[in-house]
Protein backbone atom coordinates (compact mmCIF):
# COMPACT_ATOMS: atom_id res chain seq x y z
CA MET A 1 71.37 117.45 103.70
CA LYS A 2 68.54 116.71 101.31
CA ASP A 3 69.48 115.33 97.90
CA GLY A 4 68.81 118.68 96.20
CA LYS A 5 71.03 120.45 98.73
CA VAL A 6 73.80 117.95 98.06
CA LEU A 7 73.72 118.81 94.37
CA ARG A 8 73.44 122.56 95.04
CA SER A 9 76.37 122.44 97.48
CA ALA A 10 78.30 120.44 94.92
CA GLY A 11 77.34 123.17 92.45
CA VAL A 12 78.88 125.82 94.72
CA VAL A 13 82.08 123.82 95.08
CA GLY A 14 82.00 122.99 91.38
CA SER A 15 81.59 126.66 90.41
CA PHE A 16 84.64 127.73 92.37
CA THR A 17 86.47 124.63 91.21
CA LEU A 18 85.56 125.61 87.66
CA LEU A 19 87.11 129.01 88.31
CA SER A 20 90.18 127.36 89.83
CA ARG A 21 90.48 124.88 86.96
CA GLY A 22 90.04 127.67 84.44
CA LEU A 23 92.78 129.68 86.12
CA GLY A 24 94.82 126.48 86.37
CA MET A 25 94.40 125.92 82.65
CA LEU A 26 95.59 129.47 81.98
CA ARG A 27 98.52 128.85 84.32
CA ASP A 28 99.43 125.65 82.47
CA ILE A 29 99.13 127.35 79.09
CA ILE A 30 101.65 129.97 80.19
CA ILE A 31 103.93 127.31 81.70
CA ALA A 32 103.72 125.33 78.46
CA TYR A 33 104.55 128.46 76.48
CA HIS A 34 107.69 129.10 78.53
CA PHE A 35 108.87 125.53 79.18
CA GLY A 36 106.99 123.12 76.85
CA THR A 37 107.87 119.47 77.48
CA SER A 38 111.48 120.35 78.31
CA LEU A 39 113.59 118.82 81.05
CA LEU A 40 113.10 121.99 83.12
CA ALA A 41 109.31 121.62 82.91
CA SER A 42 109.55 117.98 83.96
CA ALA A 43 111.87 118.87 86.87
CA PHE A 44 109.39 121.49 88.11
CA PHE A 45 106.43 119.10 87.89
CA VAL A 46 108.33 116.30 89.66
CA ALA A 47 109.53 118.69 92.38
CA PHE A 48 105.99 120.00 92.90
CA THR A 49 104.67 116.43 93.13
CA ILE A 50 106.68 115.87 96.33
CA PRO A 51 104.94 118.48 98.56
CA ASN A 52 101.65 117.61 96.87
CA LEU A 53 102.18 114.04 98.06
CA PHE A 54 102.04 115.23 101.66
CA ARG A 55 99.14 117.58 100.92
CA ARG A 56 97.03 114.70 99.71
CA LEU A 57 98.24 112.45 102.50
CA PHE A 58 97.83 114.79 105.48
CA GLY A 59 95.62 117.53 104.13
CA GLU A 60 93.00 116.33 101.68
CA GLY A 61 93.52 112.63 102.34
CA ALA A 62 93.82 110.67 105.55
CA LEU A 63 93.68 113.59 107.97
CA SER A 64 90.54 115.14 106.49
CA ALA A 65 88.88 111.75 106.09
CA ALA A 66 89.52 110.94 109.76
CA PHE A 67 88.89 114.46 111.08
CA ILE A 68 85.51 115.31 109.52
CA PRO A 69 83.50 112.32 110.86
CA VAL A 70 84.95 112.71 114.38
CA PHE A 71 84.51 116.51 114.38
CA ILE A 72 80.87 116.20 113.24
CA GLU A 73 80.19 113.44 115.76
CA THR A 74 81.69 115.58 118.57
CA ARG A 75 79.62 118.62 117.57
CA THR A 76 76.46 116.51 117.31
CA LYS A 77 76.84 114.81 120.68
CA GLN A 78 78.92 117.23 122.81
CA GLY A 79 78.51 120.69 121.27
CA ASP A 80 80.70 123.22 119.49
CA LYS A 81 83.10 123.92 122.37
CA ALA A 82 84.18 120.28 122.63
CA ALA A 83 84.57 120.11 118.84
CA TRP A 84 86.75 123.25 118.74
CA ASP A 85 88.89 121.93 121.60
CA MET A 86 89.49 118.78 119.60
CA ALA A 87 90.27 120.82 116.47
CA ALA A 88 92.88 122.88 118.36
CA LYS A 89 94.66 119.71 119.41
CA VAL A 90 94.59 118.35 115.86
CA VAL A 91 95.94 121.59 114.35
CA THR A 92 98.77 121.76 116.90
CA LEU A 93 99.75 118.14 116.34
CA THR A 94 99.59 118.52 112.56
CA ALA A 95 101.64 121.74 112.51
CA ALA A 96 104.35 120.25 114.74
CA LEU A 97 104.61 117.07 112.67
CA LEU A 98 104.63 118.80 109.29
CA THR A 99 107.17 121.43 110.36
CA THR A 100 109.51 118.62 111.38
CA ILE A 101 108.96 116.87 108.05
CA ALA A 102 109.59 120.13 106.15
CA ILE A 103 112.89 120.75 107.92
CA ILE A 104 114.07 117.19 107.28
CA GLY A 105 113.02 117.44 103.62
CA VAL A 106 114.95 120.68 103.02
CA ILE A 107 118.04 119.14 104.61
CA LEU A 108 117.80 115.98 102.49
CA PHE A 109 117.42 117.92 99.23
CA SER A 110 120.40 120.10 100.20
CA VAL A 111 122.47 116.97 100.83
CA GLY A 112 121.31 115.52 97.49
CA LEU A 113 122.71 118.54 95.66
CA ARG A 114 126.17 117.78 97.08
CA LEU A 115 126.28 114.11 96.17
CA PRO A 116 128.89 113.11 93.59
CA ASN A 117 127.94 112.32 89.99
CA VAL A 118 124.41 113.74 90.25
CA SER A 119 122.96 114.35 86.78
CA GLU A 120 121.67 117.74 85.66
CA LYS A 121 118.02 116.69 85.72
CA TRP A 122 118.24 115.65 89.38
CA ILE A 123 120.20 118.74 90.40
CA THR A 124 117.48 120.90 88.87
CA THR A 125 114.75 118.84 90.52
CA PHE A 126 116.41 118.97 93.96
CA GLU A 127 116.95 122.74 93.75
CA LEU A 128 113.29 123.37 92.97
CA ALA A 129 112.08 120.82 95.53
CA ARG A 130 114.17 122.44 98.29
CA VAL A 131 112.33 125.73 97.78
CA MET A 132 108.85 124.23 97.45
CA PHE A 133 108.96 121.57 100.15
CA PRO A 134 107.91 123.87 103.08
CA TYR A 135 104.67 124.27 101.12
CA VAL A 136 103.60 121.03 102.84
CA VAL A 137 103.06 122.84 106.16
CA LEU A 138 101.00 125.65 104.68
CA ILE A 139 98.87 123.65 102.27
CA CYS A 140 98.06 120.95 104.82
CA LEU A 141 96.92 123.59 107.32
CA ALA A 142 94.85 125.11 104.52
CA ALA A 143 93.31 121.70 103.77
CA LEU A 144 92.57 121.13 107.46
CA SER A 145 90.85 124.54 107.60
CA MET A 146 88.87 123.45 104.56
CA ALA A 147 87.80 120.28 106.37
CA VAL A 148 86.54 122.31 109.34
CA LEU A 149 84.54 124.68 107.13
CA ASN A 150 83.11 121.78 105.12
CA SER A 151 81.90 120.14 108.33
CA PHE A 152 79.81 123.29 108.91
CA LYS A 153 78.44 122.86 105.37
CA HIS A 154 80.32 126.01 104.34
CA PHE A 155 82.04 125.24 101.06
CA ALA A 156 82.51 128.53 99.20
CA THR A 157 85.59 130.00 100.93
CA SER A 158 87.61 126.79 100.97
CA ALA A 159 86.58 126.03 97.39
CA PHE A 160 87.93 129.43 96.30
CA ALA A 161 91.24 129.04 98.18
CA PRO A 162 92.93 126.88 95.48
CA CYS A 163 92.32 129.71 93.00
CA LEU A 164 94.99 131.68 94.82
CA LEU A 165 97.71 129.23 93.81
CA ASN A 166 96.86 129.72 90.16
CA LEU A 167 96.46 133.50 90.46
CA ILE A 168 99.81 133.90 92.18
CA LEU A 169 101.68 131.66 89.71
CA ILE A 170 100.10 133.51 86.79
CA ALA A 171 101.17 136.81 88.35
CA VAL A 172 104.71 135.50 88.75
CA MET A 173 104.90 134.54 85.09
CA LEU A 174 103.33 137.77 83.81
CA VAL A 175 105.00 140.25 86.17
CA VAL A 176 108.17 138.68 87.56
CA PHE A 177 109.43 136.78 84.50
CA PRO A 178 110.01 139.95 82.41
CA VAL A 179 111.89 141.52 85.33
CA ILE A 180 114.29 138.63 86.06
CA GLY A 181 115.15 138.00 82.41
CA ALA A 182 114.86 135.17 79.91
CA GLU A 183 116.99 132.52 81.66
CA PRO A 184 114.65 129.47 82.00
CA ALA A 185 116.28 128.23 85.21
CA ASP A 186 115.75 131.59 86.94
CA ARG A 187 112.13 131.64 85.83
CA ALA A 188 111.53 128.13 87.15
CA MET A 189 113.00 129.15 90.51
CA ALA A 190 110.72 132.20 90.67
CA LEU A 191 107.76 129.91 90.00
CA ALA A 192 108.86 127.68 92.88
CA TRP A 193 108.88 130.65 95.28
CA GLY A 194 105.43 131.57 93.99
CA VAL A 195 104.16 128.15 95.12
CA LEU A 196 105.38 128.85 98.65
CA ILE A 197 103.69 132.27 98.77
CA ALA A 198 100.46 130.73 97.47
CA GLY A 199 100.43 128.24 100.35
CA ALA A 200 100.44 131.08 102.89
CA ALA A 201 97.67 132.87 101.01
CA GLN A 202 95.42 129.78 101.03
CA VAL A 203 95.66 129.59 104.82
CA ALA A 204 95.06 133.31 105.33
CA ILE A 205 91.92 133.54 103.19
CA GLN A 206 90.08 130.95 105.31
CA LEU A 207 90.76 132.59 108.71
CA PRO A 208 87.81 135.06 108.61
CA ALA A 209 85.33 132.27 107.81
CA LEU A 210 86.73 130.12 110.62
CA LYS A 211 86.33 133.05 113.01
CA ARG A 212 82.65 133.46 112.05
CA PHE A 213 81.98 129.86 113.03
CA GLY A 214 83.63 130.39 116.41
CA CYS A 215 87.13 129.02 115.90
CA PRO A 216 89.16 130.05 118.99
CA PHE A 217 92.49 130.09 117.09
CA LYS A 218 94.42 128.48 119.90
CA PHE A 219 97.02 125.74 120.14
CA SER A 220 96.77 122.81 122.52
CA ASN A 221 99.32 120.08 123.17
CA ARG A 222 96.96 118.03 125.35
CA TRP A 223 96.95 115.14 122.92
CA ASN A 224 95.98 112.49 125.47
CA ASP A 225 92.35 112.74 124.42
CA PRO A 226 89.99 109.88 123.47
CA LYS A 227 88.80 111.84 120.43
CA ILE A 228 92.37 112.31 119.22
CA ARG A 229 93.03 108.60 119.69
CA GLN A 230 89.81 107.82 117.81
CA MET A 231 90.89 110.08 114.96
CA LEU A 232 94.40 108.64 114.85
CA LEU A 233 92.99 105.11 114.78
CA LEU A 234 90.88 106.11 111.80
CA MET A 235 93.75 108.02 110.21
CA GLY A 236 96.32 105.24 110.59
CA PRO A 237 94.92 102.87 107.97
CA ALA A 238 93.90 105.76 105.71
CA ALA A 239 97.39 107.26 105.98
CA LEU A 240 98.89 103.92 105.05
CA GLY A 241 96.63 103.65 102.02
CA MET A 242 97.22 107.24 101.00
CA ALA A 243 100.95 106.88 101.53
CA VAL A 244 101.06 103.86 99.26
CA THR A 245 98.94 105.60 96.64
CA GLN A 246 100.81 108.90 96.75
CA PHE A 247 104.24 107.30 96.78
CA ASN A 248 103.06 105.36 93.76
CA VAL A 249 102.28 108.71 92.08
CA LEU A 250 105.79 109.87 92.94
CA ILE A 251 107.27 106.63 91.63
CA ASP A 252 105.29 107.15 88.41
CA ARG A 253 106.90 110.59 88.05
CA LEU A 254 110.35 109.16 88.67
CA LEU A 255 109.73 106.31 86.19
CA ALA A 256 108.59 108.89 83.66
CA MET A 257 111.80 110.87 84.24
CA TRP A 258 113.70 107.64 83.60
CA ILE A 259 111.86 107.22 80.28
CA GLY A 260 113.00 110.66 79.16
CA GLY A 261 113.24 114.28 80.20
CA TRP A 262 110.07 115.01 78.21
CA ALA A 263 107.87 112.27 79.70
CA PRO A 264 106.80 113.79 83.07
CA ALA A 265 105.78 117.00 81.34
CA ALA A 266 103.80 115.14 78.64
CA LEU A 267 102.00 113.15 81.33
CA PHE A 268 101.32 116.32 83.32
CA TYR A 269 99.62 118.15 80.44
CA SER A 270 97.46 115.10 79.63
CA GLU A 271 96.52 114.69 83.30
CA ARG A 272 95.40 118.31 83.41
CA MET A 273 92.81 117.54 80.75
CA ILE A 274 91.47 114.76 82.96
CA TYR A 275 91.52 116.73 86.21
CA PHE A 276 89.63 119.63 84.68
CA PRO A 277 86.22 117.88 84.41
CA LEU A 278 87.07 115.59 87.32
CA GLY A 279 87.69 118.52 89.63
CA ILE A 280 84.66 120.51 88.52
CA ILE A 281 82.16 117.68 88.96
CA ALA A 282 83.46 114.59 90.77
CA THR A 283 85.82 116.21 93.26
CA ALA A 284 83.22 118.87 94.05
CA LEU A 285 80.61 116.19 94.67
CA GLY A 286 83.06 114.14 96.76
CA THR A 287 83.82 117.21 98.89
CA VAL A 288 80.13 117.54 99.73
CA LEU A 289 79.52 113.81 100.12
CA LEU A 290 81.96 113.14 102.98
CA PRO A 291 80.25 115.45 105.51
CA THR A 292 76.85 114.41 104.12
CA PHE A 293 77.61 110.71 104.49
CA SER A 294 79.12 111.40 107.92
CA THR A 295 75.88 113.05 109.04
CA HIS A 296 73.84 110.08 107.76
CA ALA A 297 76.19 107.65 109.50
CA ALA A 298 76.13 109.58 112.79
CA LYS A 299 72.30 109.37 112.76
CA GLY A 300 72.25 105.75 111.60
CA ASP A 301 70.26 106.77 108.51
CA HIS A 302 71.51 104.11 106.08
CA ALA A 303 68.50 104.46 103.78
CA SER A 304 69.34 108.09 103.02
CA MET A 305 73.00 107.22 102.58
CA SER A 306 72.16 104.45 100.10
CA ARG A 307 69.89 106.76 98.14
CA THR A 308 72.56 109.47 98.02
CA ILE A 309 75.14 106.96 96.76
CA SER A 310 72.78 105.73 94.04
CA ASP A 311 71.85 109.22 92.90
CA SER A 312 75.47 110.42 92.91
CA LEU A 313 76.65 107.54 90.74
CA ARG A 314 73.81 108.07 88.25
CA HIS A 315 74.54 111.79 88.01
CA LEU A 316 78.25 111.14 87.53
CA ALA A 317 77.53 108.64 84.76
CA PHE A 318 75.37 111.23 82.99
CA ILE A 319 78.26 113.72 82.93
CA MET A 320 81.47 111.70 82.95
CA VAL A 321 80.74 109.08 80.27
CA PRO A 322 80.35 111.65 77.46
CA ALA A 323 83.25 113.71 78.84
CA ALA A 324 85.53 110.66 78.71
CA LEU A 325 84.51 109.76 75.16
CA GLY A 326 84.88 113.36 74.01
CA LEU A 327 88.42 113.60 75.36
CA LEU A 328 89.27 110.26 73.78
CA VAL A 329 88.35 111.28 70.22
CA LEU A 330 89.40 114.93 70.41
CA ALA A 331 92.65 114.57 72.37
CA PRO A 332 95.09 115.93 69.73
CA ASN A 333 92.72 118.73 68.68
CA ILE A 334 92.09 119.92 72.24
CA LEU A 335 95.75 119.85 73.29
CA SER A 336 96.86 121.67 70.15
CA ALA A 337 94.19 124.35 70.54
CA ILE A 338 94.97 124.93 74.22
CA PHE A 339 98.74 124.69 74.47
CA GLU A 340 100.31 125.47 71.06
CA TRP A 341 100.99 129.23 70.99
CA ASN A 342 104.28 129.45 69.08
CA GLY A 343 106.22 128.87 72.28
CA GLN A 344 108.14 125.90 73.62
CA PHE A 345 105.06 123.64 73.41
CA ASN A 346 105.09 122.46 69.78
CA ALA A 347 103.48 119.82 67.55
CA GLU A 348 105.72 117.11 69.01
CA SER A 349 104.62 118.08 72.52
CA THR A 350 100.99 117.80 71.38
CA LEU A 351 101.58 114.35 69.91
CA LEU A 352 103.28 113.01 73.04
CA SER A 353 100.66 114.46 75.39
CA ALA A 354 97.75 113.29 73.21
CA ARG A 355 98.97 109.69 73.31
CA ALA A 356 98.79 109.73 77.09
CA LEU A 357 95.44 111.56 77.14
CA MET A 358 93.73 108.97 74.94
CA PHE A 359 94.61 106.30 77.50
CA TYR A 360 93.77 108.50 80.48
CA ALA A 361 90.34 109.51 79.15
CA PRO A 362 88.35 106.39 80.21
CA GLY A 363 89.71 106.95 83.70
CA LEU A 364 87.29 109.85 84.14
CA VAL A 365 84.50 107.38 84.89
CA VAL A 366 86.67 105.27 87.18
CA PHE A 367 88.19 108.17 89.10
CA SER A 368 84.71 109.65 89.56
CA ALA A 369 83.45 106.46 91.18
CA ALA A 370 86.25 106.73 93.75
CA LYS A 371 84.87 110.12 94.83
CA VAL A 372 81.69 108.33 95.93
CA PHE A 373 82.89 104.93 97.16
CA VAL A 374 85.80 106.07 99.33
CA PRO A 375 83.90 108.81 101.26
CA ALA A 376 81.13 106.28 101.94
CA PHE A 377 83.57 103.98 103.75
CA TYR A 378 85.26 106.88 105.52
CA ALA A 379 81.91 108.21 106.75
CA MET A 380 81.23 104.81 108.33
CA GLN A 381 84.62 105.26 110.05
CA ASP A 382 86.00 102.33 108.09
CA THR A 383 89.31 103.47 106.64
CA LYS A 384 90.80 99.98 106.51
CA THR A 385 88.81 98.62 103.58
CA PRO A 386 89.76 101.36 101.08
CA VAL A 387 93.36 101.03 102.27
CA ARG A 388 93.48 97.29 101.73
CA ILE A 389 92.04 97.62 98.22
CA GLY A 390 94.30 100.61 97.56
CA ILE A 391 97.44 98.63 98.34
CA TYR A 392 96.45 95.91 95.86
CA THR A 393 95.57 98.57 93.28
CA VAL A 394 98.93 100.27 93.65
CA ALA A 395 100.79 96.98 93.36
CA LEU A 396 98.90 96.16 90.17
CA ASN A 397 99.57 99.63 88.77
CA LEU A 398 103.29 99.44 89.50
CA THR A 399 103.53 95.97 87.96
CA LEU A 400 101.73 97.05 84.80
CA ASN A 401 103.89 100.18 84.59
CA ILE A 402 107.12 98.20 84.63
CA VAL A 403 105.85 95.62 82.14
CA LEU A 404 104.62 98.23 79.65
CA ILE A 405 107.69 100.46 80.01
CA LEU A 406 109.90 97.49 79.16
CA THR A 407 107.77 96.33 76.20
CA LEU A 408 106.35 99.42 74.49
CA PRO A 409 108.24 101.62 71.97
CA GLU A 410 110.06 104.60 73.51
CA TYR A 411 107.54 107.32 72.72
CA TRP A 412 104.58 105.16 73.81
CA LYS A 413 105.94 104.15 77.21
CA HIS A 414 104.33 107.09 79.00
CA ALA A 415 100.99 106.25 77.36
CA GLY A 416 101.38 102.75 78.78
CA MET A 417 101.78 104.30 82.22
CA ALA A 418 98.50 106.17 81.75
CA PHE A 419 96.77 102.94 80.72
CA SER A 420 98.18 101.14 83.76
CA THR A 421 96.77 103.79 86.08
CA VAL A 422 93.28 103.55 84.62
CA LEU A 423 93.18 99.76 84.49
CA ALA A 424 94.46 99.29 88.04
CA GLU A 425 92.03 101.90 89.40
CA ALA A 426 89.14 100.22 87.55
CA VAL A 427 89.91 96.91 89.22
CA GLY A 428 90.14 98.61 92.61
CA MET A 429 86.82 100.43 92.20
CA ALA A 430 85.07 97.25 91.05
CA VAL A 431 86.18 95.48 94.23
CA LEU A 432 85.31 98.46 96.43
CA GLY A 433 81.86 98.76 94.86
CA THR A 434 81.23 95.05 95.43
CA LEU A 435 82.13 95.35 99.11
CA LEU A 436 79.93 98.44 99.47
CA ALA A 437 77.02 96.55 97.91
CA GLN A 438 77.38 93.85 100.55
CA ARG A 439 77.09 96.44 103.33
CA MET A 440 74.29 98.42 101.73
CA PRO A 441 72.05 96.11 99.70
CA SER A 442 69.53 98.93 99.23
CA ILE A 443 71.80 100.75 96.77
CA GLN A 444 70.01 100.74 93.40
CA TRP A 445 72.72 99.06 91.32
CA GLY A 446 70.25 98.10 88.59
CA GLY A 447 69.29 101.73 88.04
CA ILE A 448 72.94 102.79 88.07
CA LEU A 449 73.86 100.19 85.42
CA LYS A 450 70.85 101.19 83.31
CA SER A 451 71.93 104.84 83.44
CA PHE A 452 75.53 103.97 82.56
CA THR A 453 74.46 101.85 79.57
CA ARG A 454 72.07 104.53 78.34
CA TYR A 455 74.69 107.26 78.50
CA LEU A 456 77.39 105.08 76.99
CA ALA A 457 75.19 104.60 73.90
CA CYS A 458 74.40 108.32 73.75
CA GLY A 459 78.05 109.15 74.32
CA LEU A 460 79.25 107.00 71.44
CA ILE A 461 76.91 108.80 69.04
CA MET A 462 78.03 112.12 70.52
CA ALA A 463 81.72 111.20 70.10
CA ALA A 464 81.16 110.26 66.46
CA ALA A 465 79.48 113.62 65.78
CA ALA A 466 82.27 115.53 67.52
CA TRP A 467 85.00 113.64 65.64
CA LEU A 468 83.36 114.22 62.25
CA VAL A 469 83.02 117.96 62.87
CA ALA A 470 86.64 118.21 64.05
CA ARG A 471 87.86 116.10 61.14
CA TYR A 472 86.15 118.06 58.39
CA SER A 473 85.90 121.60 59.75
CA PHE A 474 89.54 122.54 60.21
CA ALA A 475 90.62 122.63 56.55
CA PRO A 476 87.91 125.04 55.33
CA LEU A 477 88.32 127.16 58.48
CA ASN A 478 92.08 127.28 57.94
CA ASP A 479 91.48 128.71 54.45
CA LEU A 480 89.44 131.55 55.96
CA LEU A 481 91.10 132.24 59.31
CA PRO A 482 94.60 132.30 60.84
CA ALA A 483 95.73 128.80 61.77
CA LYS A 484 95.42 129.25 65.55
CA ILE A 485 91.93 130.74 65.38
CA ALA A 486 90.90 127.99 62.96
CA SER A 487 92.18 125.35 65.39
CA ILE A 488 90.28 126.82 68.35
CA THR A 489 87.11 127.35 66.31
CA SER A 490 87.22 123.79 65.00
CA VAL A 491 87.45 122.40 68.54
CA LEU A 492 84.64 124.64 69.78
CA LEU A 493 82.42 123.55 66.89
CA ALA A 494 83.21 119.89 67.58
CA VAL A 495 82.48 120.25 71.30
CA GLY A 496 79.28 122.17 70.53
CA ALA A 497 78.12 119.58 68.02
CA GLY A 498 78.88 116.74 70.44
CA GLY A 499 77.24 118.47 73.39
CA SER A 500 74.12 119.33 71.40
CA THR A 501 73.85 115.78 70.11
CA TYR A 502 74.13 114.36 73.61
CA PHE A 503 71.59 116.81 75.03
CA VAL A 504 69.05 116.02 72.31
CA LEU A 505 69.51 112.29 72.83
CA ALA A 506 69.14 112.62 76.62
CA LEU A 507 66.05 114.77 76.14
CA GLY A 508 64.59 112.27 73.70
CA LEU A 509 65.16 109.42 76.14
CA LYS A 510 63.62 111.51 78.95
CA ALA A 511 66.72 110.96 81.06
CA PRO A 512 65.75 111.49 84.72
CA GLU A 513 69.27 112.68 85.59
CA LEU A 514 68.90 115.66 83.26
CA LYS A 515 65.77 116.83 85.06
CA GLU A 516 67.19 116.13 88.53
CA ILE A 517 70.39 118.07 87.93
CA THR A 518 68.53 120.97 86.31
CA ASN A 519 66.03 121.20 89.18
CA ALA A 520 68.81 121.08 91.77
CA LEU A 521 70.75 123.87 90.10
CA ARG A 522 67.57 125.96 89.92
CA GLY A 523 67.09 125.45 93.66
CA LYS A 524 63.94 123.37 93.36
């Protein structure tokens, strides 16, 4: 794929991801209205983290990272039939393994409910997790279908599939909640069943597109295949790294639950503010980059791969640096405007979530870099290096978490956890970038650093403008408008002022990234 096509494909993924994130934001607003930062909200988020752990491990993580390069290599060298035969074996193996895991998980959660002296928060968590855990089978098959479609450079259908989760959960809250009554526990259980239905829908929507590309829709248990062994050898280290990382996420949730029943929910709402721009831009670009890098690697075209890495990092710096600074200075304003609707999410919930968001915000730049560095190693069929660095990163994160939880005041402990995540990931990405530079000396690190410095300076001016508008616009607006409308208007004015300031500065500096992104989106 040419560089313009990479950006345009990322634009397609980003557009659907924007729709998904927008729907996800609406979903979270309604969840916040009904549950706020209550224990029930935290129990739901922790329970949903468990199947998501396996989704990221088997679906979007190690399996996809190992599958796409081998599938593309098989298609390139042996043709579509051989590639589809390999895919059938992978799907069969994955479905058998995940079904076994799902059955074991449901049994374990059922046993946990019958243990003596189990507290209310864990009973609630286990009940919700027991319903949602079979989601691992469906969502991992959906992610594997996404990997196949992405390898054909078809991104639209699989990018839309996550929207279904949000649409179905919104429908549950708008349609089912009034029917089942006002009992919060019943509503949380209905939401859990909605997650399971959404998993099936995300698989179903991708079947027509798979059929168009010639998928035979067959199972095969002939796993004694060199390609399967090659994939498993690639997947093994990646699975180890992903397992460590994702179990660390789960441990973070459990540590947050230990801090207090409010903490996992406060962390969740702050994370959503980070994942919104991250998903629209960085995750979309990373989705396109893995098959693109894999194609470069299969052809031995390291010059094109180096250029794509350099361009991707510059473009991410142009977007993510100001986004991070904007979230940092506007955290309380944004959270209040989005989530406070006279429901269970109140001013205290805003304060707790904003503390975490201010520490998460710089992570936008760091997390974005991971979407470029990790696919580059995976495309070269080196899954060991990211794993090795990932293990050290997780160990550092866990250590910092424990230290800060034990030393910070009670209602700042969760913010310390956010800071630990960002700091540990920054160290990991610095090491990974250094190792990538040793393998690909043609990457233009000087240009990347120049772009980052330029946009950091512009971003600081932008952040100051946004903060001033937010600081001094609310009071006069509140005198003229209802409080909620004044809050939303103040945030919109601040974001508009900051965005305009940044655009003018970038235009004045003749930023090449601005022209490159604009041309790519126009199809030039």
